[in-house]
């Protein structure tokens, strides 16, 4: 049976708003870790920086692609590419690893966003956007997503990523974003696919953040239920 494994890019140190890059481009995968052929697993496209796991390409795409002008300061360098390996055993989620980014690949902040939410790196000549999927220090959605004051409208997409509704009133959008960011995020757990739509938060810079939403259980990305007024607004838009 093939398994999906979240493995781990390098250290991000933020001190008084200043970033420090740890250059580990010459480092190699530690020989002490147990390595098996990639055929034993499927890899999620991730990077791990500062204890935060970021994913790319997990959800449907929306909004424009990143441009070079979106890149901020370099915050990390890939230490170990794991595309040809699987790591087993406890204590294997280490900063310094990436699934598909080559060793030595620079990792950048994205202008206008906290690096705890968005990072970017270049692969095969294209910029790849990574967004936080697991932050052990996050308590509310505001700790996970940097969306406050940045969402211009919210699209509601079906399971095939076709837009079926939209919320474009700026005051309503602001209220919904405030409801979201003030809500407990919790940890992702297993949740049913039934009733799922995708919420595309279209941002002022024309990029977008897309999250799955279960209409019945009011769960965004399989986390804690959001307030009932949030769900009511999404249902009203669909009607």
C-alpha atoms as a PDB file:
ATOM      1  CA  UNK A   1       0.000   0.000   0.000  1.00  0.00           C
ATOM      2  CA  UNK A   2       1.301   3.420  -0.933  1.00  0.00           C
ATOM      3  CA  UNK A   3       1.362   5.974   1.832  1.00  0.00           C
ATOM      4  CA  UNK A   4       1.206   9.759   1.748  1.00  0.00           C
ATOM      5  CA  UNK A   5       3.865  11.201   4.012  1.00  0.00           C
ATOM      6  CA  UNK A   6       4.435  14.760   5.082  1.00  0.00           C
ATOM      7  CA  UNK A   7       8.158  15.053   5.467  1.00  0.00           C
ATOM      8  CA  UNK A   8       9.997  18.093   6.037  1.00  0.00           C
ATOM      9  CA  UNK A   9      12.821  22.856   4.242  1.00  0.00           C
ATOM     10  CA  UNK A  10      15.388  24.623   6.431  1.00  0.00           C
ATOM     11  CA  UNK A  11      15.394  26.863   9.471  1.00  0.00           C
ATOM     12  CA  UNK A  12      13.594  30.175   9.453  1.00  0.00           C
ATOM     13  CA  UNK A  13      14.697  32.441  12.266  1.00  0.00           C
ATOM     14  CA  UNK A  14      12.781  35.636  12.919  1.00  0.00           C
ATOM     15  CA  UNK A  15      14.260  37.949  15.523  1.00  0.00           C
ATOM     16  CA  UNK A  16      12.717  41.386  16.077  1.00  0.00           C
ATOM     17  CA  UNK A  17      11.376  41.314  12.536  1.00  0.00           C
ATOM     18  CA  UNK A  18      14.750  40.451  10.979  1.00  0.00           C
ATOM     19  CA  UNK A  19      15.298  37.201   9.112  1.00  0.00           C
ATOM     20  CA  UNK A  20      18.457  35.145   9.366  1.00  0.00           C
ATOM     21  CA  UNK A  21      19.258  32.673   6.600  1.00  0.00           C
ATOM     22  CA  UNK A  22      20.961  29.484   7.558  1.00  0.00           C
ATOM     23  CA  UNK A  23      22.961  28.427   4.508  1.00  0.00           C
ATOM     24  CA  UNK A  24      22.955  24.658   4.492  1.00  0.00           C
ATOM     25  CA  UNK A  25      23.158  24.150   0.753  1.00  0.00           C
ATOM     26  CA  UNK A  26      26.236  21.980   1.129  1.00  0.00           C
ATOM     27  CA  UNK A  27      24.646  19.699   3.701  1.00  0.00           C
ATOM     28  CA  UNK A  28      23.527  16.188   2.814  1.00  0.00           C
ATOM     29  CA  UNK A  29      20.766  13.933   4.036  1.00  0.00           C
ATOM     30  CA  UNK A  30      21.948  12.659   7.413  1.00  0.00           C
ATOM     31  CA  UNK A  31      23.224   9.119   7.023  1.00  0.00           C
ATOM     32  CA  UNK A  32      21.718   8.194  10.397  1.00  0.00           C
ATOM     33  CA  UNK A  33      18.191   8.302   8.975  1.00  0.00           C
ATOM     34  CA  UNK A  34      16.633   5.190   7.522  1.00  0.00           C
ATOM     35  CA  UNK A  35      16.105   5.638   3.769  1.00  0.00           C
ATOM     36  CA  UNK A  36      13.981   3.498   1.481  1.00  0.00           C
ATOM     37  CA  UNK A  37      13.169   3.791  -2.251  1.00  0.00           C
ATOM     38  CA  UNK A  38      10.513   6.322  -3.216  1.00  0.00           C
ATOM     39  CA  UNK A  39       8.407   3.492  -4.592  1.00  0.00           C
ATOM     40  CA  UNK A  40       7.364   2.827  -1.007  1.00  0.00           C
ATOM     41  CA  UNK A  41       5.551   6.153  -0.671  1.00  0.00           C
ATOM     42  CA  UNK A  42       3.829   9.084  -2.296  1.00  0.00           C
ATOM     43  CA  UNK A  43       5.213  12.466  -1.311  1.00  0.00           C
ATOM     44  CA  UNK A  44       3.135  15.514  -0.568  1.00  0.00           C
ATOM     45  CA  UNK A  45       4.728  18.608  -2.100  1.00  0.00           C
ATOM     46  CA  UNK A  46       5.921  20.382   1.023  1.00  0.00           C
ATOM     47  CA  UNK A  47       8.622  22.374   2.693  1.00  0.00           C
ATOM     48  CA  UNK A  48       9.256  22.591   6.417  1.00  0.00           C
ATOM     49  CA  UNK A  49      10.642  25.812   7.880  1.00  0.00           C
ATOM     50  CA  UNK A  50      10.797  26.929  11.486  1.00  0.00           C
ATOM     51  CA  UNK A  51       8.649  24.003  12.593  1.00  0.00           C
ATOM     52  CA  UNK A  52       5.874  24.947  10.133  1.00  0.00           C
ATOM     53  CA  UNK A  53       4.907  22.604   7.297  1.00  0.00           C
ATOM     54  CA  UNK A  54       3.884  24.328   4.054  1.00  0.00           C
ATOM     55  CA  UNK A  55       2.083  22.612   1.179  1.00  0.00           C
ATOM     56  CA  UNK A  56       1.914  23.408  -2.542  1.00  0.00           C
ATOM     57  CA  UNK A  57      -0.455  22.051  -5.152  1.00  0.00           C
ATOM     58  CA  UNK A  58      -2.746  20.226  -2.695  1.00  0.00           C
ATOM     59  CA  UNK A  59      -5.840  22.333  -3.405  1.00  0.00           C
ATOM     60  CA  UNK A  60      -7.346  23.565  -6.704  1.00  0.00           C
ATOM     61  CA  UNK A  61      -5.629  26.569  -8.213  1.00  0.00           C
ATOM     62  CA  UNK A  62      -7.186  30.027  -8.368  1.00  0.00           C
ATOM     63  CA  UNK A  63      -5.868  33.526  -8.915  1.00  0.00           C
ATOM     64  CA  UNK A  64      -2.726  34.520 -10.754  1.00  0.00           C
ATOM     65  CA  UNK A  65       0.641  32.796 -10.516  1.00  0.00           C
ATOM     66  CA  UNK A  66       3.529  34.299  -8.594  1.00  0.00           C
ATOM     67  CA  UNK A  67       5.937  36.656 -10.332  1.00  0.00           C
ATOM     68  CA  UNK A  68       9.533  37.540  -9.513  1.00  0.00           C
ATOM     69  CA  UNK A  69       8.294  40.878  -8.198  1.00  0.00           C
ATOM     70  CA  UNK A  70       6.345  38.995  -5.503  1.00  0.00           C
ATOM     71  CA  UNK A  71       9.492  37.594  -3.922  1.00  0.00           C
ATOM     72  CA  UNK A  72      10.682  39.055  -0.668  1.00  0.00           C
ATOM     73  CA  UNK A  73      13.827  38.280   1.291  1.00  0.00           C
ATOM     74  CA  UNK A  74      15.433  34.860   1.169  1.00  0.00           C
ATOM     75  CA  UNK A  75      14.637  33.108   4.432  1.00  0.00           C
ATOM     76  CA  UNK A  76      15.942  29.581   3.942  1.00  0.00           C
ATOM     77  CA  UNK A  77      17.896  27.159   1.753  1.00  0.00           C
ATOM     78  CA  UNK A  78      16.904  23.570   1.042  1.00  0.00           C
ATOM     79  CA  UNK A  79      19.139  21.149   2.876  1.00  0.00           C
ATOM     80  CA  UNK A  80      17.904  17.745   1.761  1.00  0.00           C
ATOM     81  CA  UNK A  81      15.707  16.681  -1.168  1.00  0.00           C
ATOM     82  CA  UNK A  82      13.714  13.593  -0.270  1.00  0.00           C
ATOM     83  CA  UNK A  83      12.045  12.754  -3.580  1.00  0.00           C
ATOM     84  CA  UNK A  84      14.081   9.570  -3.883  1.00  0.00           C
ATOM     85  CA  UNK A  85      13.662   8.465  -0.296  1.00  0.00           C
ATOM     86  CA  UNK A  86      11.244   7.801   2.487  1.00  0.00           C
ATOM     87  CA  UNK A  87      12.136   8.284   6.129  1.00  0.00           C
ATOM     88  CA  UNK A  88      10.662   5.979   8.729  1.00  0.00           C
ATOM     89  CA  UNK A  89      10.735   6.062  12.481  1.00  0.00           C
ATOM     90  CA  UNK A  90      10.159   8.691  15.191  1.00  0.00           C
ATOM     91  CA  UNK A  91      11.634  12.174  15.137  1.00  0.00           C
ATOM     92  CA  UNK A  92      11.899  12.375  11.356  1.00  0.00           C
ATOM     93  CA  UNK A  93      10.170  15.738  10.752  1.00  0.00           C
ATOM     94  CA  UNK A  94      13.256  17.891  10.556  1.00  0.00           C
ATOM     95  CA  UNK A  95      13.815  21.402   9.301  1.00  0.00           C
ATOM     96  CA  UNK A  96      16.205  21.247   6.383  1.00  0.00           C
ATOM     97  CA  UNK A  97      14.207  18.787   4.257  1.00  0.00           C
ATOM     98  CA  UNK A  98      12.002  19.256   1.174  1.00  0.00           C
ATOM     99  CA  UNK A  99      10.050  16.786  -0.925  1.00  0.00           C
ATOM    100  CA  UNK A 100      10.746  17.981  -4.476  1.00  0.00           C
ATOM    101  CA  UNK A 101      12.985  21.057  -4.231  1.00  0.00           C
ATOM    102  CA  UNK A 102      16.610  20.476  -5.125  1.00  0.00           C
ATOM    103  CA  UNK A 103      19.259  20.802  -2.457  1.00  0.00           C
ATOM    104  CA  UNK A 104      20.484  24.389  -2.328  1.00  0.00           C
ATOM    105  CA  UNK A 105      17.221  25.882  -3.612  1.00  0.00           C
ATOM    106  CA  UNK A 106      16.593  29.310  -2.013  1.00  0.00           C
ATOM    107  CA  UNK A 107      13.270  29.754  -0.231  1.00  0.00           C
ATOM    108  CA  UNK A 108      11.782  33.250  -0.126  1.00  0.00           C
ATOM    109  CA  UNK A 109       9.194  35.208   1.775  1.00  0.00           C
ATOM    110  CA  UNK A 110       6.300  36.533  -0.318  1.00  0.00           C
ATOM    111  CA  UNK A 111       5.875  40.298  -0.282  1.00  0.00           C
ATOM    112  CA  UNK A 112       2.873  41.507   1.677  1.00  0.00           C
ATOM    113  CA  UNK A 113       2.462  38.309   3.701  1.00  0.00           C
ATOM    114  CA  UNK A 114       3.901  36.898   6.893  1.00  0.00           C
ATOM    115  CA  UNK A 115       6.460  34.157   6.196  1.00  0.00           C
ATOM    116  CA  UNK A 116       4.551  31.985   8.662  1.00  0.00           C
ATOM    117  CA  UNK A 117       1.752  31.918   6.037  1.00  0.00           C
ATOM    118  CA  UNK A 118       3.408  32.009   2.609  1.00  0.00           C
ATOM    119  CA  UNK A 119       6.775  31.060   1.155  1.00  0.00           C
ATOM    120  CA  UNK A 120       7.957  30.626  -2.423  1.00  0.00           C
ATOM    121  CA  UNK A 121      10.692  28.739  -4.248  1.00  0.00           C
ATOM    122  CA  UNK A 122      11.712  28.133  -7.845  1.00  0.00           C
ATOM    123  CA  UNK A 123      11.401  24.674  -9.391  1.00  0.00           C
ATOM    124  CA  UNK A 124      11.987  23.841 -13.049  1.00  0.00           C
ATOM    125  CA  UNK A 125      12.146  27.541 -13.812  1.00  0.00           C
ATOM    126  CA  UNK A 126       8.738  28.307 -12.275  1.00  0.00           C
ATOM    127  CA  UNK A 127       7.854  29.888  -8.958  1.00  0.00           C
ATOM    128  CA  UNK A 128       5.937  27.628  -6.583  1.00  0.00           C
ATOM    129  CA  UNK A 129       3.775  29.056  -3.804  1.00  0.00           C
ATOM    130  CA  UNK A 130       3.769  27.218  -0.480  1.00  0.00           C
ATOM    131  CA  UNK A 131       1.141  27.998   2.170  1.00  0.00           C
ATOM    132  CA  UNK A 132       1.139  26.951   5.814  1.00  0.00           C
ATOM    133  CA  UNK A 133      -0.703  23.679   6.398  1.00  0.00           C
ATOM    134  CA  UNK A 134       0.469  22.826   9.908  1.00  0.00           C
ATOM    135  CA  UNK A 135       1.746  25.333  12.458  1.00  0.00           C
ATOM    136  CA  UNK A 136       1.989  23.837  15.959  1.00  0.00           C
ATOM    137  CA  UNK A 137       1.877  27.343  17.435  1.00  0.00           C
ATOM    138  CA  UNK A 138      -1.362  28.329  15.686  1.00  0.00           C
ATOM    139  CA  UNK A 139      -4.405  28.652  17.929  1.00  0.00           C
ATOM    140  CA  UNK A 140      -6.760  30.644  15.687  1.00  0.00           C
ATOM    141  CA  UNK A 141      -7.052  30.980  11.935  1.00  0.00           C
ATOM    142  CA  UNK A 142      -5.365  34.370  12.250  1.00  0.00           C
ATOM    143  CA  UNK A 143      -2.227  32.513  13.369  1.00  0.00           C
ATOM    144  CA  UNK A 144      -2.342  30.322  10.272  1.00  0.00           C
ATOM    145  CA  UNK A 145      -3.639  32.619   7.513  1.00  0.00           C
ATOM    146  CA  UNK A 146      -2.513  36.186   6.835  1.00  0.00           C
ATOM    147  CA  UNK A 147      -5.720  37.375   5.182  1.00  0.00           C
ATOM    148  CA  UNK A 148      -6.870  40.302   7.327  1.00  0.00           C
ATOM    149  CA  UNK A 149      -7.707  43.332   5.165  1.00  0.00           C
ATOM    150  CA  UNK A 150      -6.465  41.539   2.031  1.00  0.00           C
ATOM    151  CA  UNK A 151      -9.497  39.667   0.678  1.00  0.00           C
ATOM    152  CA  UNK A 152     -11.352  41.418  -2.141  1.00  0.00           C
ATOM    153  CA  UNK A 153     -13.981  38.713  -2.725  1.00  0.00           C
ATOM    154  CA  UNK A 154     -14.801  35.105  -1.931  1.00  0.00           C
ATOM    155  CA  UNK A 155     -15.591  32.545  -4.603  1.00  0.00           C
ATOM    156  CA  UNK A 156     -17.481  29.329  -3.870  1.00  0.00           C
ATOM    157  CA  UNK A 157     -16.349  26.512  -6.159  1.00  0.00           C
ATOM    158  CA  UNK A 158     -17.731  23.012  -6.568  1.00  0.00           C
ATOM    159  CA  UNK A 159     -15.717  19.814  -6.345  1.00  0.00           C
ATOM    160  CA  UNK A 160     -14.548  20.274  -9.930  1.00  0.00           C
ATOM    161  CA  UNK A 161     -13.265  23.767  -9.053  1.00  0.00           C
ATOM    162  CA  UNK A 162     -16.012  25.457 -11.074  1.00  0.00           C
ATOM    163  CA  UNK A 163     -17.213  28.676  -9.515  1.00  0.00           C
ATOM    164  CA  UNK A 164     -20.862  28.362  -8.537  1.00  0.00           C
ATOM    165  CA  UNK A 165     -21.262  31.447  -6.333  1.00  0.00           C
ATOM    166  CA  UNK A 166     -19.424  34.556  -5.209  1.00  0.00           C
ATOM    167  CA  UNK A 167     -19.545  37.030  -2.335  1.00  0.00           C
ATOM    168  CA  UNK A 168     -18.329  40.411  -3.521  1.00  0.00           C
ATOM    169  CA  UNK A 169     -19.823  42.935  -1.103  1.00  0.00           C
ATOM    170  CA  UNK A 170     -16.715  44.289   0.620  1.00  0.00           C
ATOM    171  CA  UNK A 171     -18.378  44.800   4.000  1.00  0.00           C
ATOM    172  CA  UNK A 172     -19.748  41.273   4.016  1.00  0.00           C
ATOM    173  CA  UNK A 173     -16.407  39.885   2.879  1.00  0.00           C
ATOM    174  CA  UNK A 174     -14.645  41.746   5.708  1.00  0.00           C
ATOM    175  CA  UNK A 175     -17.150  40.397   8.270  1.00  0.00           C
ATOM    176  CA  UNK A 176     -16.683  36.831   7.064  1.00  0.00           C
ATOM    177  CA  UNK A 177     -12.900  37.113   7.095  1.00  0.00           C
ATOM    178  CA  UNK A 178     -13.049  38.520  10.636  1.00  0.00           C
ATOM    179  CA  UNK A 179     -15.276  35.605  11.695  1.00  0.00           C
ATOM    180  CA  UNK A 180     -12.820  33.152  10.162  1.00  0.00           C
ATOM    181  CA  UNK A 181      -9.634  34.660  11.572  1.00  0.00           C
ATOM    182  CA  UNK A 182     -11.081  34.956  15.070  1.00  0.00           C
ATOM    183  CA  UNK A 183     -12.166  31.304  15.175  1.00  0.00           C
ATOM    184  CA  UNK A 184     -10.133  28.448  16.694  1.00  0.00           C
ATOM    185  CA  UNK A 185      -8.288  26.536  14.010  1.00  0.00           C
ATOM    186  CA  UNK A 186      -7.673  23.270  15.811  1.00  0.00           C
ATOM    187  CA  UNK A 187      -5.853  20.407  14.169  1.00  0.00           C
ATOM    188  CA  UNK A 188      -6.913  18.787  10.885  1.00  0.00           C
ATOM    189  CA  UNK A 189      -8.736  15.500  11.363  1.00  0.00           C
ATOM    190  CA  UNK A 190     -10.479  13.081   9.045  1.00  0.00           C
ATOM    191  CA  UNK A 191     -13.693  14.488   7.618  1.00  0.00           C
ATOM    192  CA  UNK A 192     -16.248  13.403   5.059  1.00  0.00           C
ATOM    193  CA  UNK A 193     -16.053  14.588   1.490  1.00  0.00           C
ATOM    194  CA  UNK A 194     -19.816  14.953   1.209  1.00  0.00           C
ATOM    195  CA  UNK A 195     -21.029  18.540   1.227  1.00  0.00           C
ATOM    196  CA  UNK A 196     -17.598  19.922   0.460  1.00  0.00           C
ATOM    197  CA  UNK A 197     -17.053  23.011  -1.621  1.00  0.00           C
ATOM    198  CA  UNK A 198     -13.914  25.071  -2.103  1.00  0.00           C
ATOM    199  CA  UNK A 199     -13.721  28.632  -0.818  1.00  0.00           C
ATOM    200  CA  UNK A 200     -11.406  30.759  -2.932  1.00  0.00           C
ATOM    201  CA  UNK A 201     -10.269  33.851  -1.056  1.00  0.00           C
ATOM    202  CA  UNK A 202      -9.318  36.214  -3.880  1.00  0.00           C
ATOM    203  CA  UNK A 203      -6.785  38.698  -2.570  1.00  0.00           C
ATOM    204  CA  UNK A 204      -6.107  42.313  -3.469  1.00  0.00           C
ATOM    205  CA  UNK A 205      -2.917  41.380  -5.327  1.00  0.00           C
ATOM    206  CA  UNK A 206      -4.939  38.986  -7.574  1.00  0.00           C
ATOM    207  CA  UNK A 207      -3.488  35.843  -5.976  1.00  0.00           C
ATOM    208  CA  UNK A 208      -5.832  33.514  -4.112  1.00  0.00           C
ATOM    209  CA  UNK A 209      -5.934  31.083  -1.240  1.00  0.00           C
ATOM    210  CA  UNK A 210      -8.220  28.065  -1.671  1.00  0.00           C
ATOM    211  CA  UNK A 211      -9.537  25.966   1.216  1.00  0.00           C
ATOM    212  CA  UNK A 212     -12.026  23.091   1.298  1.00  0.00           C
ATOM    213  CA  UNK A 213     -15.212  23.686   3.285  1.00  0.00           C
ATOM    214  CA  UNK A 214     -17.754  21.145   4.508  1.00  0.00           C
ATOM    215  CA  UNK A 215     -21.178  22.775   4.435  1.00  0.00           C
ATOM    216  CA  UNK A 216     -22.813  20.296   6.802  1.00  0.00           C
ATOM    217  CA  UNK A 217     -20.177  20.266   9.534  1.00  0.00           C
ATOM    218  CA  UNK A 218     -18.976  23.868   8.920  1.00  0.00           C
ATOM    219  CA  UNK A 219     -15.361  22.687   8.855  1.00  0.00           C
ATOM    220  CA  UNK A 220     -12.697  24.502   6.863  1.00  0.00           C
ATOM    221  CA  UNK A 221      -9.866  22.203   5.763  1.00  0.00           C
ATOM    222  CA  UNK A 222     -11.188  19.555   8.173  1.00  0.00           C
ATOM    223  CA  UNK A 223     -10.517  21.706  11.248  1.00  0.00           C
ATOM    224  CA  UNK A 224     -12.812  22.983  14.004  1.00  0.00           C
ATOM    225  CA  UNK A 225     -16.330  24.120  12.948  1.00  0.00           C
ATOM    226  CA  UNK A 226     -16.647  27.776  12.009  1.00  0.00           C
ATOM    227  CA  UNK A 227     -19.400  29.989  13.466  1.00  0.00           C
ATOM    228  CA  UNK A 228     -22.941  29.450  12.159  1.00  0.00           C
ATOM    229  CA  UNK A 229     -23.168  32.976  10.623  1.00  0.00           C
ATOM    230  CA  UNK A 230     -20.190  32.099   8.407  1.00  0.00           C
ATOM    231  CA  UNK A 231     -21.929  28.962   7.177  1.00  0.00           C
ATOM    232  CA  UNK A 232     -25.203  30.821   6.695  1.00  0.00           C
ATOM    233  CA  UNK A 233     -23.481  33.364   4.426  1.00  0.00           C
ATOM    234  CA  UNK A 234     -21.949  30.626   2.262  1.00  0.00           C
ATOM    235  CA  UNK A 235     -25.287  28.806   1.970  1.00  0.00           C
ATOM    236  CA  UNK A 236     -27.060  32.051   1.109  1.00  0.00           C
ATOM    237  CA  UNK A 237     -24.538  32.725  -1.655  1.00  0.00           C
ATOM    238  CA  UNK A 238     -25.153  29.257  -3.074  1.00  0.00           C
ATOM    239  CA  UNK A 239     -28.913  29.866  -3.115  1.00  0.00           C
END
